[in-house]
């Protein structure tokens, strides 16, 4: 028998105060109606935003594409997570909006959870072995695969600034056309990469991440996955006016969300951090107008009971940011 739903009411005072706390007003999220979606896309995205996960127009996604992108090393910290069934059960019992993974893990495991865990099928990827100087993710699946498997969205990794971005743009064009034809929402992992990015402040700079957000919007993303900008001395190498901006973490991320426009924003979890830092980042992200989070290692690298307890905390925060579907 599985554990009770993680959406049970949380105890008062269990969520830490935001780490940044600028006092800026909450940034509204784009409404589903404002996105200009076809009926098929709108139906599938509505299921993710309102019928599964925390609901209320938010997204809580559990990714397990790290096995391809990083190799098996990420599973050493929690050996149970090497078995994809661990993440599937966590996504089901934790009431996630979707689980994101590649075609092999969908075809071999998803049939046991179909109808219980929504699927976000990743359509391209690469290993960590080649350097990122010429980053490019080749197709590993198709939109037709996603429809056949009953997915509610597809994911695509786009390397903004890579010397291979011309091939990337052309490949994404074909994915976007198929997604439009078949009514499938597209989530873009928008990642700055390449030597040119490194010379302009680096892949974690506000310049690079803000640019990636805008590129994803302009190329047709329905949802865009982004990292938080990280301030560093390298910011002075960014083009003007970025090299002279003095923005805190909250203000910088609000700038990124604004650049994403009517593409819903998912915040990347990155490497595992402490509970308080993670929860504060989630709250700050939602305050800045993000639609949700896509946290993998921060959850499945924890033992199951710890991961479910943390997911209960996340549901509690998301409930505070619910909005109607209009």
Protein backbone atom coordinates (compact mmCIF):
# COMPACT_ATOMS: atom_id res chain seq x y z
CA UNK A 1 0.00 0.00 0.00
CA UNK A 2 1.37 3.42 -0.94
CA UNK A 3 1.76 6.31 1.49
CA UNK A 4 -0.99 8.89 1.97
CA UNK A 5 -1.10 11.74 -0.51
CA UNK A 6 1.60 14.33 0.01
CA UNK A 7 -1.01 17.06 -0.33
CA UNK A 8 -2.07 16.58 3.30
CA UNK A 9 -2.07 19.89 5.27
CA UNK A 10 1.35 20.83 6.55
CA UNK A 11 2.09 21.96 10.07
CA UNK A 12 2.33 25.70 10.61
CA UNK A 13 5.80 27.16 10.49
CA UNK A 14 7.47 24.28 8.69
CA UNK A 15 8.47 26.28 5.62
CA UNK A 16 11.47 28.60 6.03
CA UNK A 17 11.20 32.26 5.14
CA UNK A 18 12.52 33.24 1.70
CA UNK A 19 16.29 33.54 1.60
CA UNK A 20 16.28 36.72 -0.49
CA UNK A 21 13.22 38.65 0.66
CA UNK A 22 13.38 41.86 -1.38
CA UNK A 23 9.78 42.76 -0.62
CA UNK A 24 9.05 43.23 -4.34
CA UNK A 25 5.42 42.58 -5.35
CA UNK A 26 4.51 39.16 -6.68
CA UNK A 27 4.86 38.89 -10.45
CA UNK A 28 1.72 37.41 -12.08
CA UNK A 29 2.09 34.30 -14.22
CA UNK A 30 0.71 34.13 -17.78
CA UNK A 31 -2.75 32.58 -17.87
CA UNK A 32 -3.48 29.48 -19.91
CA UNK A 33 -5.87 31.50 -22.06
CA UNK A 34 -3.17 34.04 -22.92
CA UNK A 35 -0.78 31.49 -24.42
CA UNK A 36 -2.50 31.22 -27.82
CA UNK A 37 -2.46 27.42 -27.77
CA UNK A 38 -4.23 25.02 -30.10
CA UNK A 39 -7.03 22.93 -28.49
CA UNK A 40 -4.77 19.87 -28.21
CA UNK A 41 -1.92 21.77 -26.59
CA UNK A 42 -4.26 23.61 -24.26
CA UNK A 43 -5.98 20.40 -23.16
CA UNK A 44 -2.71 18.62 -22.39
CA UNK A 45 -1.14 21.59 -20.65
CA UNK A 46 -4.29 22.15 -18.59
CA UNK A 47 -4.06 18.57 -17.35
CA UNK A 48 -0.51 19.19 -16.15
CA UNK A 49 -1.29 22.56 -14.59
CA UNK A 50 -4.62 21.79 -12.93
CA UNK A 51 -5.49 18.07 -12.92
CA UNK A 52 -2.19 16.62 -11.67
CA UNK A 53 0.51 17.66 -9.26
CA UNK A 54 -0.08 20.61 -6.94
CA UNK A 55 -2.66 22.08 -9.38
CA UNK A 56 -3.68 25.70 -9.33
CA UNK A 57 -1.79 26.48 -12.51
CA UNK A 58 1.57 25.30 -11.16
CA UNK A 59 4.01 22.60 -12.25
CA UNK A 60 6.10 20.22 -10.18
CA UNK A 61 8.16 18.03 -12.54
CA UNK A 62 10.48 15.17 -11.63
CA UNK A 63 13.21 14.68 -14.27
CA UNK A 64 15.27 11.53 -14.70
CA UNK A 65 17.20 12.41 -17.84
CA UNK A 66 20.42 12.63 -15.83
CA UNK A 67 21.35 9.01 -16.56
CA UNK A 68 21.93 9.95 -20.20
CA UNK A 69 23.17 13.49 -19.62
CA UNK A 70 25.52 12.82 -16.68
CA UNK A 71 25.96 9.05 -16.63
CA UNK A 72 25.30 6.67 -13.70
CA UNK A 73 27.45 8.74 -11.30
CA UNK A 74 24.43 10.71 -10.06
CA UNK A 75 22.91 7.53 -8.61
CA UNK A 76 25.80 6.63 -6.30
CA UNK A 77 24.57 8.92 -3.51
CA UNK A 78 21.27 6.99 -3.38
CA UNK A 79 21.73 3.55 -4.98
CA UNK A 80 17.97 2.88 -4.90
CA UNK A 81 17.54 5.66 -7.49
CA UNK A 82 19.48 3.66 -10.09
CA UNK A 83 16.24 1.73 -10.69
CA UNK A 84 13.90 4.06 -12.64
CA UNK A 85 10.99 2.51 -10.77
CA UNK A 86 12.21 4.50 -7.74
CA UNK A 87 11.54 7.79 -9.53
CA UNK A 88 8.26 6.59 -11.01
CA UNK A 89 6.95 5.64 -7.56
CA UNK A 90 8.18 8.94 -6.16
CA UNK A 91 6.38 10.84 -8.93
CA UNK A 92 3.17 8.87 -8.31
CA UNK A 93 3.14 8.93 -4.52
CA UNK A 94 4.45 12.48 -4.41
CA UNK A 95 1.74 13.66 -6.81
CA UNK A 96 4.03 15.30 -9.34
CA UNK A 97 2.67 17.10 -12.38
CA UNK A 98 4.84 14.93 -14.66
CA UNK A 99 7.93 12.79 -14.88
CA UNK A 100 10.47 13.78 -17.57
CA UNK A 101 12.65 11.12 -19.22
CA UNK A 102 13.94 9.63 -22.45
CA UNK A 103 12.31 7.09 -24.75
CA UNK A 104 13.90 3.94 -23.29
CA UNK A 105 12.72 4.67 -19.75
CA UNK A 106 9.26 5.50 -21.11
CA UNK A 107 8.86 2.34 -23.20
CA UNK A 108 10.20 -0.01 -20.52
CA UNK A 109 8.57 1.44 -17.38
CA UNK A 110 5.77 3.90 -18.15
CA UNK A 111 3.14 1.24 -18.94
CA UNK A 112 2.98 0.41 -15.21
CA UNK A 113 2.15 4.03 -14.31
CA UNK A 114 0.16 5.23 -17.31
CA UNK A 115 -2.85 7.22 -16.15
CA UNK A 116 -1.25 7.81 -12.74
CA UNK A 117 1.89 9.77 -13.64
CA UNK A 118 1.80 12.20 -16.59
CA UNK A 119 4.67 11.78 -19.02
CA UNK A 120 6.96 14.51 -20.39
CA UNK A 121 9.01 12.75 -23.07
CA UNK A 122 12.49 14.18 -23.72
CA UNK A 123 13.18 14.12 -27.45
CA UNK A 124 16.89 14.89 -27.59
CA UNK A 125 20.00 14.49 -25.49
CA UNK A 126 23.74 13.98 -25.32
CA UNK A 127 26.28 12.38 -23.01
CA UNK A 128 28.70 14.30 -20.79
CA UNK A 129 31.73 12.85 -22.59
CA UNK A 130 32.25 15.42 -25.39
CA UNK A 131 33.13 18.97 -24.28
CA UNK A 132 30.44 21.65 -24.26
CA UNK A 133 32.38 23.88 -26.65
CA UNK A 134 30.30 22.57 -29.56
CA UNK A 135 27.27 21.38 -27.61
CA UNK A 136 24.45 19.72 -29.54
CA UNK A 137 21.73 17.27 -28.47
CA UNK A 138 20.65 14.84 -31.17
CA UNK A 139 17.11 13.51 -31.40
CA UNK A 140 16.37 10.38 -29.37
CA UNK A 141 12.61 10.30 -29.89
CA UNK A 142 9.78 11.92 -31.83
CA UNK A 143 6.53 13.71 -31.14
CA UNK A 144 4.79 10.67 -32.61
CA UNK A 145 6.48 8.55 -29.94
CA UNK A 146 5.07 10.92 -27.32
CA UNK A 147 1.54 10.62 -28.70
CA UNK A 148 1.85 6.82 -28.91
CA UNK A 149 2.96 6.62 -25.28
CA UNK A 150 0.24 8.96 -24.02
CA UNK A 151 2.52 11.85 -23.06
CA UNK A 152 1.15 15.25 -22.11
CA UNK A 153 4.22 17.20 -23.28
CA UNK A 154 7.59 16.83 -24.97
CA UNK A 155 10.92 18.27 -23.93
CA UNK A 156 13.77 19.62 -26.06
CA UNK A 157 17.24 20.79 -24.99
CA UNK A 158 18.37 23.91 -26.86
CA UNK A 159 21.98 25.09 -26.51
CA UNK A 160 21.92 28.85 -27.02
CA UNK A 161 25.26 30.25 -28.17
CA UNK A 162 26.82 26.93 -29.17
CA UNK A 163 28.60 26.86 -32.55
CA UNK A 164 26.12 24.12 -33.42
CA UNK A 165 23.06 26.29 -32.75
CA UNK A 166 22.22 26.52 -36.47
CA UNK A 167 21.69 22.73 -36.53
CA UNK A 168 19.92 23.00 -33.20
CA UNK A 169 17.48 25.63 -34.48
CA UNK A 170 16.74 23.61 -37.61
CA UNK A 171 16.19 20.41 -35.61
CA UNK A 172 13.91 22.23 -33.17
CA UNK A 173 11.90 23.67 -36.07
CA UNK A 174 10.93 20.14 -37.12
CA UNK A 175 10.01 19.19 -33.55
CA UNK A 176 7.92 22.34 -33.17
CA UNK A 177 6.08 21.67 -36.44
CA UNK A 178 5.25 18.11 -35.37
CA UNK A 179 4.13 19.35 -31.95
CA UNK A 180 1.83 21.92 -33.53
CA UNK A 181 0.39 19.31 -35.89
CA UNK A 182 -0.24 16.82 -33.10
CA UNK A 183 -1.28 19.25 -30.36
CA UNK A 184 1.66 18.56 -28.02
CA UNK A 185 3.06 21.24 -25.65
CA UNK A 186 6.82 21.80 -25.94
CA UNK A 187 9.06 22.36 -22.93
CA UNK A 188 12.46 23.80 -23.89
CA UNK A 189 15.52 23.25 -21.71
CA UNK A 190 17.21 26.57 -22.65
CA UNK A 191 20.90 26.29 -21.76
CA UNK A 192 23.66 28.74 -22.76
CA UNK A 193 26.74 26.84 -23.94
CA UNK A 194 29.89 27.31 -25.98
CA UNK A 195 33.13 29.27 -26.04
CA UNK A 196 31.43 32.50 -27.08
CA UNK A 197 29.18 32.30 -24.02
CA UNK A 198 32.20 31.71 -21.82
CA UNK A 199 33.84 34.88 -23.12
CA UNK A 200 30.72 36.95 -22.39
CA UNK A 201 30.30 36.27 -18.70
CA UNK A 202 29.75 32.51 -18.71
CA UNK A 203 26.77 30.19 -18.89
CA UNK A 204 25.49 31.18 -15.42
CA UNK A 205 25.56 34.93 -16.08
CA UNK A 206 22.41 37.04 -16.25
CA UNK A 207 23.29 37.97 -19.83
CA UNK A 208 23.46 34.35 -20.98
CA UNK A 209 20.37 33.08 -19.14
CA UNK A 210 18.30 36.15 -20.04
CA UNK A 211 19.28 35.67 -23.69
CA UNK A 212 18.36 31.97 -23.53
CA UNK A 213 14.93 32.82 -22.12
CA UNK A 214 14.22 35.21 -24.98
CA UNK A 215 15.48 32.77 -27.62
CA UNK A 216 13.19 30.02 -26.31
CA UNK A 217 10.20 32.37 -26.48
CA UNK A 218 11.03 33.51 -30.01
CA UNK A 219 11.54 29.95 -31.28
CA UNK A 220 8.14 28.83 -30.02
CA UNK A 221 8.55 27.22 -26.59
CA UNK A 222 5.35 26.78 -24.61
CA UNK A 223 7.30 26.24 -21.39
CA UNK A 224 10.96 27.07 -20.82
CA UNK A 225 13.28 25.51 -18.24
CA UNK A 226 15.87 27.97 -16.94
CA UNK A 227 18.57 28.25 -14.33
CA UNK A 228 18.94 31.05 -11.83
CA UNK A 229 21.62 33.58 -12.85
CA UNK A 230 24.68 33.53 -10.61
CA UNK A 231 26.62 36.74 -9.97
CA UNK A 232 30.39 36.61 -10.35
CA UNK A 233 33.39 38.71 -11.29
CA UNK A 234 32.93 37.43 -14.84
CA UNK A 235 29.80 39.58 -15.21
CA UNK A 236 32.04 42.47 -16.23
CA UNK A 237 32.81 40.53 -19.42
CA UNK A 238 29.12 40.51 -20.40
CA UNK A 239 27.97 42.92 -23.12
CA UNK A 240 26.52 46.28 -22.11
CA UNK A 241 24.28 47.01 -20.28
CA UNK A 242 24.57 43.66 -18.45
CA UNK A 243 28.15 44.41 -17.40
CA UNK A 244 26.95 47.41 -15.39
CA UNK A 245 23.76 45.99 -13.85
CA UNK A 246 23.66 45.60 -10.07
CA UNK A 247 20.78 43.20 -9.48
CA UNK A 248 20.21 40.84 -6.59
CA UNK A 249 19.18 37.24 -7.14
CA UNK A 250 15.43 37.99 -7.04
CA UNK A 251 15.60 40.98 -9.37
CA UNK A 252 17.82 39.13 -11.83
CA UNK A 253 15.43 36.20 -12.01
CA UNK A 254 12.44 38.53 -12.44
CA UNK A 255 14.29 39.96 -15.44
CA UNK A 256 14.70 36.45 -16.88
CA UNK A 257 10.99 35.62 -16.36
CA UNK A 258 10.04 38.87 -18.11
CA UNK A 259 12.22 37.93 -21.09
CA UNK A 260 10.44 34.58 -21.33
CA UNK A 261 7.20 36.49 -21.97
CA UNK A 262 4.27 34.15 -22.56
CA UNK A 263 6.38 31.02 -22.26
CA UNK A 264 5.74 29.53 -18.83
CA UNK A 265 8.92 29.28 -16.75
CA UNK A 266 10.19 26.15 -14.99
CA UNK A 267 13.09 26.64 -12.57
CA UNK A 268 15.92 24.13 -12.76
CA UNK A 269 16.93 22.46 -9.53
CA UNK A 270 20.56 21.72 -10.35
CA UNK A 271 22.77 19.94 -7.85
CA UNK A 272 21.43 18.80 -4.49
CA UNK A 273 21.17 21.53 -1.82
CA UNK A 274 19.82 21.70 1.72
CA UNK A 275 16.08 21.71 2.41
CA UNK A 276 15.91 25.32 3.61
CA UNK A 277 17.78 26.63 0.57
CA UNK A 278 15.64 24.58 -1.80
CA UNK A 279 12.33 25.72 -0.28
CA UNK A 280 13.44 29.34 -0.23
CA UNK A 281 14.40 29.11 -3.91
CA UNK A 282 10.99 27.69 -4.79
CA UNK A 283 9.14 30.47 -2.99
CA UNK A 284 11.35 33.18 -4.50
CA UNK A 285 10.83 31.66 -7.97
CA UNK A 286 7.04 31.68 -7.66
CA UNK A 287 7.13 35.24 -6.33
CA UNK A 288 9.10 36.20 -9.46
CA UNK A 289 6.44 34.75 -11.78
CA UNK A 290 7.73 31.22 -12.42
CA UNK A 291 5.07 28.58 -13.05
CA UNK A 292 6.91 25.76 -11.33
CA UNK A 293 10.06 23.80 -10.68
CA UNK A 294 11.76 20.79 -12.23
CA UNK A 295 13.83 19.23 -9.46
CA UNK A 296 15.46 15.84 -9.95
CA UNK A 297 18.61 15.26 -7.94
CA UNK A 298 17.29 17.46 -5.14
CA UNK A 299 14.57 14.88 -4.60
CA UNK A 300 15.54 11.42 -5.85
CA UNK A 301 19.04 11.61 -4.41
CA UNK A 302 17.32 11.59 -1.02
CA UNK A 303 15.97 8.46 0.67
CA UNK A 304 12.33 7.88 -0.21
CA UNK A 305 10.77 9.06 3.07
CA UNK A 306 12.87 12.22 3.09
CA UNK A 307 11.97 12.93 -0.53
CA UNK A 308 8.24 12.51 0.15
CA UNK A 309 8.45 14.71 3.25
CA UNK A 310 10.17 17.45 1.23
CA UNK A 311 7.56 17.07 -1.51
CA UNK A 312 4.84 17.71 1.06
CA UNK A 313 6.55 20.99 1.86
CA UNK A 314 6.66 21.86 -1.83
CA UNK A 315 2.94 21.19 -2.24
CA UNK A 316 2.28 23.50 0.68
CA UNK A 317 4.15 26.34 -0.99
CA UNK A 318 2.48 25.74 -4.36
CA UNK A 319 -0.98 25.93 -2.80
CA UNK A 320 -0.21 29.49 -1.76
CA UNK A 321 0.35 30.45 -5.41
CA UNK A 322 -2.69 28.75 -6.98
CA UNK A 323 -4.64 30.69 -9.59
CA UNK A 324 -7.78 29.92 -11.65
CA UNK A 325 -7.50 28.49 -15.14
CA UNK A 326 -9.07 31.49 -16.91
